[in-house]
Amino acid sequence: MSSAPPLSNASRLSSSPVSQALAERRARAFWPSVIALGVGGFAIGTGEFVIMGLLPEVARDLGVSIPQAGHVISAYALGVVLGAPVLAVLAAGWPRRALLLVLMALFALGNFASALAPGYLSLNLLRFVAGLPHGTYFGVAALVAASLAPPDRRASAVGLVMSGLTSATLVGVPIAAWLGQHVGWRAAFVLVGAIATLACVLIRRGVPDLPAAGGASPLRELGALARPQVWLTLGIGAIGFGGMFAVFSYIKPTLIEVAGLSIDAMPLALALFGIGMVVGNLLGSRLADKSLKGTIAGLLVWNAVVLGSFAFMAGHAAMAAISVFLIGTIVAIAPALQIRLMDVAGEAQTLSAALNHSAFNIANALGAWLGGVAIAAGLGWTSTGWVGTLLALGGMAVFAVSIWWDRRAGRRS
């Protein structure tokens, strides 16, 4: 499959035969691009989550405690949070395909290097480096996929790219975890690096050579930070999405201690969570194409209901399994928030799209911390469900302010 020729941004506004030809070439490039970008997302999702199941092996090999080994997860998340805005701003004027290739190559090298880390400190540093391209990659991939799709299918296009990440929890992580347990945790990172290398090949061959937006520059990208709606949308994700992590961070001890499931049943429970993520991502993106604001509002309500019901369902094995699946569907809000950010960011598309994943990693840290606070306070394992409900309600409050701001701006204009 050969690379598609450069496509002009001006074609969006033109109805000439030339623009129609360009539109046809965009349509032909859509599926090769989505598949290539999805493989990159699959690599990133596998690399992000597989370490959570290999902490005992990492701790034993490096001579540290399991909680200390867990710091490598935090190091990666910190790389995501910091790397997304920094790389998006610095590379604002880069052609899209070149930027995607560099980001995925950096991710591949970070994972290969992680497999060679000689000690605890070096592994933390290399996991930080591996996390740097995460947010910018997904942000730029979302922009490319949306630009190749019809206007009424943008969220579905973003959802297809995100399906690489969600399917990693169902396929990539179990395979890498099995490899890590039987060959060694370093082998898991080698596998992730190999998948990322494959993604580089597919991106080079399948993604058209789209230029950056006209006039793109670091200064213009930073202009997104002056837009209140960008901050409000990021706040919806950072707060409203945190509930999923409040529950899922402690799902294993909760299911064992409260639902009475055996440790052998944990892979099945995690598989149900992965299936829920895949289903939620696909349904959420389709709903967002029909009504973006309505989907965000409805899914925040769904989050509150699902997380609140967990406190009641966790005590029964079968109901707890259903609840785990439903909690996975909460990821449905991700494509909608990605499109919302792209709509409110004006010309600062790259930074705003990348910041969406910084917000999700903040949600990860916030939800896990507050869930731990509730458990440590003696409120019980199922208290994480109530924490999640409160965070979903907090996301609703931020969304309400966002809607009010929209109406206020409309009255002014």
Protein backbone atom coordinates (compact mmCIF):
# COMPACT_ATOMS: atom_id res chain seq x y z
CA MET A 1 0.00 0.00 0.00
CA SER A 2 1.60 3.30 -1.01
CA SER A 3 1.41 6.64 0.78
CA ALA A 4 -1.42 8.92 -0.25
CA PRO A 5 -0.39 12.32 -1.68
CA PRO A 6 -0.67 15.47 0.44
CA LEU A 7 -4.20 16.74 0.91
CA SER A 8 -5.12 20.42 1.16
CA ASN A 9 -7.05 21.80 4.15
CA ALA A 10 -8.75 24.24 1.80
CA SER A 11 -10.71 21.40 0.23
CA ARG A 12 -13.07 21.38 3.17
CA LEU A 13 -14.67 24.60 2.05
CA SER A 14 -14.69 24.07 -1.68
CA SER A 15 -17.20 22.28 -3.85
CA SER A 16 -15.08 22.25 -7.01
CA PRO A 17 -14.23 19.06 -8.93
CA VAL A 18 -10.75 19.28 -7.43
CA SER A 19 -12.17 19.28 -3.92
CA GLN A 20 -14.43 16.36 -4.78
CA ALA A 21 -11.41 14.40 -5.96
CA LEU A 22 -9.60 15.23 -2.74
CA ALA A 23 -12.64 14.16 -0.74
CA GLU A 24 -12.63 10.82 -2.57
CA ARG A 25 -8.94 10.35 -1.77
CA ARG A 26 -9.65 11.13 1.88
CA ALA A 27 -12.39 8.51 1.88
CA ARG A 28 -10.03 5.92 0.36
CA ALA A 29 -7.42 6.78 2.99
CA PHE A 30 -9.86 6.49 5.90
CA TRP A 31 -9.71 2.77 6.70
CA PRO A 32 -5.95 2.30 6.14
CA SER A 33 -5.39 5.31 8.39
CA VAL A 34 -7.79 4.18 11.11
CA ILE A 35 -6.27 0.68 11.15
CA ALA A 36 -2.72 2.06 11.36
CA LEU A 37 -3.63 4.55 14.08
CA GLY A 38 -5.59 1.88 15.94
CA VAL A 39 -2.56 -0.43 16.00
CA GLY A 40 -0.60 2.42 17.56
CA GLY A 41 -3.33 2.82 20.17
CA PHE A 42 -3.23 -0.93 20.78
CA ALA A 43 0.52 -0.72 21.45
CA ILE A 44 0.09 2.20 23.85
CA GLY A 45 -2.82 0.57 25.69
CA THR A 46 -0.90 -2.67 26.11
CA GLY A 47 2.19 -0.86 27.37
CA GLU A 48 0.23 1.28 29.80
CA PHE A 49 -1.78 -1.47 31.49
CA VAL A 50 0.38 -4.62 31.33
CA ILE A 51 2.75 -3.46 34.07
CA MET A 52 -0.13 -3.49 36.59
CA GLY A 53 -0.24 -7.28 36.40
CA LEU A 54 3.55 -7.72 36.56
CA LEU A 55 4.42 -5.68 39.64
CA PRO A 56 5.40 -8.75 41.76
CA GLU A 57 7.82 -9.90 39.05
CA VAL A 58 9.30 -6.41 38.66
CA ALA A 59 9.67 -5.99 42.43
CA ARG A 60 11.36 -9.35 42.84
CA ASP A 61 13.79 -8.78 39.96
CA LEU A 62 14.78 -5.26 41.03
CA GLY A 63 14.87 -5.98 44.75
CA VAL A 64 12.17 -3.50 45.81
CA SER A 65 8.76 -3.79 47.44
CA ILE A 66 5.59 -4.10 45.38
CA PRO A 67 4.42 -0.58 46.39
CA GLN A 68 7.79 0.77 45.26
CA ALA A 69 7.48 -1.10 41.99
CA GLY A 70 4.10 0.58 41.58
CA HIS A 71 5.92 3.90 41.21
CA VAL A 72 6.74 2.95 37.63
CA ILE A 73 3.00 3.25 36.88
CA SER A 74 2.99 6.76 38.34
CA ALA A 75 6.13 7.63 36.36
CA TYR A 76 4.40 6.67 33.12
CA ALA A 77 1.28 8.67 34.03
CA LEU A 78 3.43 11.70 34.83
CA GLY A 79 5.03 11.37 31.41
CA VAL A 80 1.57 11.39 29.81
CA VAL A 81 0.41 14.45 31.74
CA LEU A 82 3.54 16.49 31.00
CA GLY A 83 4.32 15.18 27.54
CA ALA A 84 0.91 15.92 26.01
CA PRO A 85 1.04 19.73 26.23
CA VAL A 86 4.80 20.08 25.75
CA LEU A 87 5.09 17.94 22.62
CA ALA A 88 1.84 19.26 21.15
CA VAL A 89 3.08 22.84 21.42
CA LEU A 90 6.64 22.17 20.22
CA ALA A 91 5.47 20.18 17.18
CA ALA A 92 2.48 22.38 16.30
CA GLY A 93 3.65 23.03 12.74
CA TRP A 94 4.76 19.50 11.89
CA PRO A 95 3.00 17.50 9.15
CA ARG A 96 0.64 15.05 10.82
CA ARG A 97 2.14 11.81 9.53
CA ALA A 98 5.69 12.83 10.40
CA LEU A 99 4.62 13.79 13.91
CA LEU A 100 2.75 10.50 14.41
CA LEU A 101 5.80 8.55 13.24
CA VAL A 102 8.14 10.36 15.63
CA LEU A 103 5.75 9.92 18.55
CA MET A 104 5.27 6.20 17.91
CA ALA A 105 9.01 5.69 17.37
CA LEU A 106 9.71 7.41 20.71
CA PHE A 107 7.17 5.12 22.37
CA ALA A 108 8.77 2.05 20.81
CA LEU A 109 12.26 3.10 21.91
CA GLY A 110 11.00 3.86 25.41
CA ASN A 111 9.65 0.33 25.74
CA PHE A 112 12.69 -1.39 24.26
CA ALA A 113 14.86 0.65 26.65
CA SER A 114 12.56 -0.25 29.57
CA ALA A 115 13.26 -3.91 28.86
CA LEU A 116 16.97 -3.19 29.29
CA ALA A 117 16.67 -1.04 32.43
CA PRO A 118 19.41 -2.11 34.87
CA GLY A 119 17.68 -0.92 38.03
CA TYR A 120 14.73 0.68 39.78
CA LEU A 121 15.59 4.34 39.14
CA SER A 122 16.43 3.78 35.48
CA LEU A 123 13.16 1.90 34.93
CA ASN A 124 11.18 4.79 36.43
CA LEU A 125 12.98 7.26 34.18
CA LEU A 126 12.41 5.14 31.07
CA ARG A 127 8.72 4.61 31.86
CA PHE A 128 8.42 8.41 32.16
CA VAL A 129 10.02 8.75 28.71
CA ALA A 130 7.71 6.07 27.26
CA GLY A 131 4.69 8.00 28.57
CA LEU A 132 5.68 11.33 26.95
CA PRO A 133 4.21 10.66 23.46
CA HIS A 134 0.99 9.02 24.73
CA GLY A 135 -1.32 12.03 24.91
CA THR A 136 -0.03 13.83 21.83
CA TYR A 137 -0.25 10.65 19.75
CA PHE A 138 -3.92 10.10 20.57
CA GLY A 139 -4.69 13.79 20.14
CA VAL A 140 -3.11 13.99 16.67
CA ALA A 141 -4.54 10.58 15.69
CA ALA A 142 -8.02 11.85 16.62
CA LEU A 143 -7.51 14.98 14.50
CA VAL A 144 -6.38 12.93 11.50
CA ALA A 145 -9.23 10.43 11.79
CA ALA A 146 -11.83 13.20 12.18
CA SER A 147 -10.44 15.11 9.19
CA LEU A 148 -10.79 12.03 6.97
CA ALA A 149 -14.37 11.28 8.06
CA PRO A 150 -17.60 12.99 6.96
CA PRO A 151 -18.62 15.81 9.34
CA ASP A 152 -21.42 13.75 10.88
CA ARG A 153 -19.10 10.80 11.57
CA ARG A 154 -16.23 12.52 13.38
CA ALA A 155 -16.91 10.97 16.78
CA SER A 156 -17.23 7.51 15.24
CA ALA A 157 -13.86 7.99 13.55
CA VAL A 158 -12.29 8.99 16.87
CA GLY A 159 -13.97 6.00 18.51
CA LEU A 160 -12.43 3.65 15.95
CA VAL A 161 -8.96 4.98 16.77
CA MET A 162 -9.69 4.67 20.49
CA SER A 163 -10.83 1.07 19.95
CA GLY A 164 -7.15 0.17 19.65
CA LEU A 165 -6.67 1.33 23.24
CA THR A 166 -9.80 -0.36 24.59
CA SER A 167 -9.16 -3.65 22.77
CA ALA A 168 -5.67 -3.72 24.29
CA THR A 169 -7.24 -4.38 27.70
CA LEU A 170 -9.00 -7.40 26.22
CA VAL A 171 -6.28 -8.88 23.98
CA GLY A 172 -2.92 -7.17 24.26
CA VAL A 173 -2.62 -6.99 28.03
CA PRO A 174 -3.43 -10.69 28.70
CA ILE A 175 -0.94 -11.81 26.02
CA ALA A 176 1.81 -9.50 27.28
CA ALA A 177 1.07 -10.47 30.89
CA TRP A 178 1.31 -14.17 30.05
CA LEU A 179 4.61 -13.54 28.28
CA GLY A 180 5.88 -11.52 31.24
CA GLN A 181 4.98 -14.22 33.75
CA HIS A 182 6.54 -17.08 31.77
CA VAL A 183 9.53 -15.41 30.09
CA GLY A 184 10.10 -12.39 32.31
CA TRP A 185 8.61 -8.92 32.67
CA ARG A 186 11.20 -7.49 30.29
CA ALA A 187 9.79 -9.63 27.48
CA ALA A 188 6.44 -7.86 27.87
CA PHE A 189 8.05 -4.52 27.08
CA VAL A 190 9.86 -6.03 24.10
CA LEU A 191 6.48 -7.17 22.76
CA VAL A 192 5.02 -3.69 23.25
CA GLY A 193 8.00 -2.17 21.43
CA ALA A 194 7.54 -4.61 18.56
CA ILE A 195 3.84 -3.70 18.20
CA ALA A 196 4.77 -0.01 18.22
CA THR A 197 7.34 -0.66 15.48
CA LEU A 198 4.66 -2.36 13.39
CA ALA A 199 2.45 0.69 13.95
CA CYS A 200 5.23 2.91 12.57
CA VAL A 201 5.31 0.85 9.38
CA LEU A 202 1.52 0.97 8.99
CA ILE A 203 1.38 4.72 9.68
CA ARG A 204 4.08 5.38 7.11
CA ARG A 205 2.20 3.40 4.47
CA GLY A 206 -1.45 4.05 5.36
CA VAL A 207 -1.79 7.59 6.73
CA PRO A 208 -1.91 10.41 4.14
CA ASP A 209 0.69 13.16 4.38
CA LEU A 210 -1.64 15.78 5.83
CA PRO A 211 -0.06 19.15 6.61
CA ALA A 212 -0.56 20.98 9.88
CA ALA A 213 -3.29 23.61 9.91
CA GLY A 214 -2.33 26.80 8.11
CA GLY A 215 -0.47 29.20 10.37
CA ALA A 216 0.02 26.61 13.11
CA SER A 217 2.62 27.66 15.67
CA PRO A 218 3.47 27.05 19.34
CA LEU A 219 2.08 30.48 20.27
CA ARG A 220 -1.24 29.80 18.56
CA GLU A 221 -1.53 26.41 20.24
CA LEU A 222 -0.97 28.03 23.63
CA GLY A 223 -3.94 30.23 22.82
CA ALA A 224 -6.16 27.25 23.72
CA LEU A 225 -5.28 27.83 27.36
CA ALA A 226 -7.00 31.21 27.23
CA ARG A 227 -10.34 29.63 26.33
CA PRO A 228 -12.57 28.92 29.34
CA GLN A 229 -14.46 26.19 27.47
CA VAL A 230 -11.24 24.25 26.96
CA TRP A 231 -10.60 24.23 30.72
CA LEU A 232 -14.21 23.35 31.48
CA THR A 233 -14.17 20.41 29.06
CA LEU A 234 -10.89 19.18 30.54
CA GLY A 235 -12.47 19.52 33.98
CA ILE A 236 -15.39 17.29 32.93
CA GLY A 237 -12.92 14.55 32.01
CA ALA A 238 -10.57 15.02 34.97
CA ILE A 239 -13.41 14.92 37.51
CA GLY A 240 -16.34 13.11 35.89
CA PHE A 241 -14.19 10.28 34.51
CA GLY A 242 -12.36 9.75 37.81
CA GLY A 243 -15.12 7.59 39.23
CA MET A 244 -14.23 4.67 36.98
CA PHE A 245 -10.69 4.66 38.36
CA ALA A 246 -11.90 5.05 41.95
CA VAL A 247 -13.64 1.68 41.63
CA PHE A 248 -11.40 -0.17 39.18
CA SER A 249 -8.18 0.60 41.06
CA TYR A 250 -9.46 -1.59 43.92
CA ILE A 251 -11.62 -4.00 41.95
CA LYS A 252 -9.52 -7.09 42.67
CA PRO A 253 -9.65 -6.98 46.51
CA THR A 254 -13.29 -5.84 46.36
CA LEU A 255 -14.38 -8.81 44.27
CA ILE A 256 -12.42 -11.23 46.45
CA GLU A 257 -13.38 -9.81 49.86
CA VAL A 258 -16.97 -8.69 49.16
CA ALA A 259 -18.24 -10.74 46.21
CA GLY A 260 -16.42 -13.89 47.33
CA LEU A 261 -14.81 -14.55 43.96
CA SER A 262 -11.66 -16.66 43.84
CA ILE A 263 -8.40 -15.29 42.58
CA ASP A 264 -8.69 -17.67 39.61
CA ALA A 265 -11.81 -15.78 38.53
CA MET A 266 -9.97 -12.45 38.26
CA PRO A 267 -8.93 -12.86 34.60
CA LEU A 268 -12.58 -13.38 33.67
CA ALA A 269 -13.62 -10.33 35.66
CA LEU A 270 -10.96 -8.21 33.98
CA ALA A 271 -12.06 -9.55 30.59
CA LEU A 272 -15.61 -8.38 31.35
CA PHE A 273 -14.23 -4.93 32.10
CA GLY A 274 -12.36 -4.95 28.78
CA ILE A 275 -15.50 -6.02 26.88
CA GLY A 276 -17.39 -3.20 28.56
CA MET A 277 -14.75 -0.72 27.42
CA VAL A 278 -14.94 -1.90 23.81
CA VAL A 279 -18.75 -1.78 23.77
CA GLY A 280 -18.88 1.57 25.53
CA ASN A 281 -16.35 3.16 23.19
CA LEU A 282 -18.23 2.10 20.05
CA LEU A 283 -21.69 3.05 21.36
CA GLY A 284 -20.51 6.31 22.89
CA SER A 285 -18.90 7.48 19.66
CA ARG A 286 -22.04 6.74 17.65
CA LEU A 287 -24.24 8.56 20.16
CA ALA A 288 -21.89 11.55 20.09
CA ASP A 289 -22.33 11.83 16.32
CA LYS A 290 -26.08 12.23 16.86
CA SER A 291 -25.99 14.65 19.82
CA LEU A 292 -22.67 15.70 21.31
CA LYS A 293 -23.87 17.67 24.34
CA GLY A 294 -26.76 15.28 24.96
CA THR A 295 -24.36 12.34 24.94
CA ILE A 296 -22.00 13.97 27.45
CA ALA A 297 -24.89 14.82 29.77
CA GLY A 298 -26.48 11.38 29.47
CA LEU A 299 -23.21 9.52 30.02
CA LEU A 300 -22.39 11.53 33.15
CA VAL A 301 -25.78 10.44 34.54
CA TRP A 302 -25.02 6.86 33.43
CA ASN A 303 -21.68 7.04 35.25
CA ALA A 304 -23.34 8.12 38.49
CA VAL A 305 -25.94 5.36 38.30
CA VAL A 306 -23.49 2.58 37.41
CA LEU A 307 -20.96 3.56 40.08
CA GLY A 308 -23.60 4.07 42.75
CA SER A 309 -25.17 0.67 42.02
CA PHE A 310 -21.78 -1.00 42.44
CA ALA A 311 -22.08 -0.59 46.22
CA PHE A 312 -25.21 -2.77 46.15
CA MET A 313 -24.22 -5.24 43.43
CA ALA A 314 -20.72 -6.03 44.71
CA GLY A 315 -22.01 -8.36 47.41
CA HIS A 316 -23.30 -10.97 44.93
CA ALA A 317 -20.90 -12.73 42.57
CA ALA A 318 -23.09 -12.70 39.45
CA MET A 319 -24.28 -9.14 40.00
CA ALA A 320 -20.73 -8.01 40.70
CA ALA A 321 -19.61 -9.46 37.35
CA ILE A 322 -22.37 -7.53 35.57
CA SER A 323 -21.35 -4.40 37.44
CA VAL A 324 -17.72 -4.78 36.31
CA PHE A 325 -18.89 -4.93 32.69
CA LEU A 326 -21.05 -1.82 33.17
CA ILE A 327 -18.16 0.07 34.78
CA GLY A 328 -16.12 -0.64 31.65
CA THR A 329 -18.78 1.07 29.52
CA ILE A 330 -18.04 4.37 31.29
CA VAL A 331 -15.24 4.89 28.76
CA ALA A 332 -18.05 5.78 26.31
CA ILE A 333 -17.65 9.44 27.26
CA ALA A 334 -14.07 9.65 25.93
CA PRO A 335 -14.82 10.16 22.19
CA ALA A 336 -17.50 12.75 23.01
CA LEU A 337 -15.12 14.78 25.15
CA GLN A 338 -12.44 14.54 22.45
CA ILE A 339 -14.78 16.02 19.84
CA ARG A 340 -16.02 18.65 22.31
CA LEU A 341 -12.44 19.79 22.88
CA MET A 342 -11.82 20.00 19.15
CA ASP A 343 -14.96 22.14 18.77
CA VAL A 344 -14.15 24.63 21.54
CA ALA A 345 -10.41 24.97 20.90
CA GLY A 346 -10.64 27.19 17.84
CA GLU A 347 -7.36 27.07 15.93
CA ALA A 348 -5.40 25.42 18.77
CA GLN A 349 -6.46 21.91 17.77
CA THR A 350 -3.32 19.90 18.50
CA LEU A 351 -2.81 21.05 22.08
CA SER A 352 -6.45 20.75 23.06
CA ALA A 353 -6.79 17.27 21.56
CA ALA A 354 -3.65 16.09 23.35
CA LEU A 355 -4.72 17.58 26.68
CA ASN A 356 -7.76 15.28 26.70
CA HIS A 357 -5.48 12.39 27.65
CA SER A 358 -3.72 14.46 30.30
CA ALA A 359 -7.15 15.01 31.82
CA PHE A 360 -7.89 11.28 31.79
CA ASN A 361 -4.62 10.54 33.56
CA ILE A 362 -5.45 13.18 36.17
CA ALA A 363 -8.78 11.38 36.55
CA ASN A 364 -6.85 8.15 37.08
CA ALA A 365 -4.75 9.67 39.85
CA LEU A 366 -7.65 11.54 41.47
CA GLY A 367 -10.05 8.59 41.43
CA ALA A 368 -7.51 6.09 42.78
CA TRP A 369 -6.45 8.50 45.54
CA LEU A 370 -9.98 9.33 46.71
CA GLY A 371 -11.00 5.67 46.57
CA GLY A 372 -8.00 4.82 48.74
CA VAL A 373 -8.91 7.59 51.19
CA ALA A 374 -12.43 6.16 51.59
CA ILE A 375 -11.13 2.63 52.17
CA ALA A 376 -8.47 3.81 54.62
CA ALA A 377 -11.16 5.71 56.53
CA GLY A 378 -12.88 2.40 57.26
CA LEU A 379 -15.83 2.91 54.91
CA GLY A 380 -15.33 -0.48 53.26
CA TRP A 381 -14.33 -1.70 49.83
CA THR A 382 -17.66 -0.80 48.24
CA SER A 383 -17.31 2.84 49.33
CA THR A 384 -15.36 3.39 46.12
CA GLY A 385 -18.70 3.24 44.29
CA TRP A 386 -20.00 6.22 46.26
CA VAL A 387 -16.75 8.07 45.64
CA GLY A 388 -17.25 7.43 41.94
CA THR A 389 -20.82 8.71 42.10
CA LEU A 390 -19.68 11.94 43.75
CA LEU A 391 -17.04 12.43 41.07
CA ALA A 392 -19.64 11.86 38.34
CA LEU A 393 -21.85 14.47 39.99
CA GLY A 394 -18.86 16.80 40.08
CA GLY A 395 -18.43 16.25 36.34
CA MET A 396 -22.12 17.12 35.86
CA ALA A 397 -21.60 20.38 37.75
CA VAL A 398 -18.67 21.33 35.53
CA PHE A 399 -20.67 20.43 32.42
CA ALA A 400 -23.56 22.60 33.65
CA VAL A 401 -21.17 25.55 33.94
CA SER A 402 -19.94 24.80 30.40
CA ILE A 403 -23.49 24.88 29.02
CA TRP A 404 -24.21 28.10 30.92
CA TRP A 405 -21.07 29.62 29.43
CA ASP A 406 -22.20 28.64 25.94
CA ARG A 407 -25.57 30.31 26.44
CA ARG A 408 -23.95 33.39 27.95
CA ALA A 409 -21.66 33.70 24.94
CA GLY A 410 -24.65 33.20 22.61
CA ARG A 411 -26.59 36.05 24.29
CA ARG A 412 -23.55 38.33 23.95
CA SER A 413 -23.16 37.59 20.27
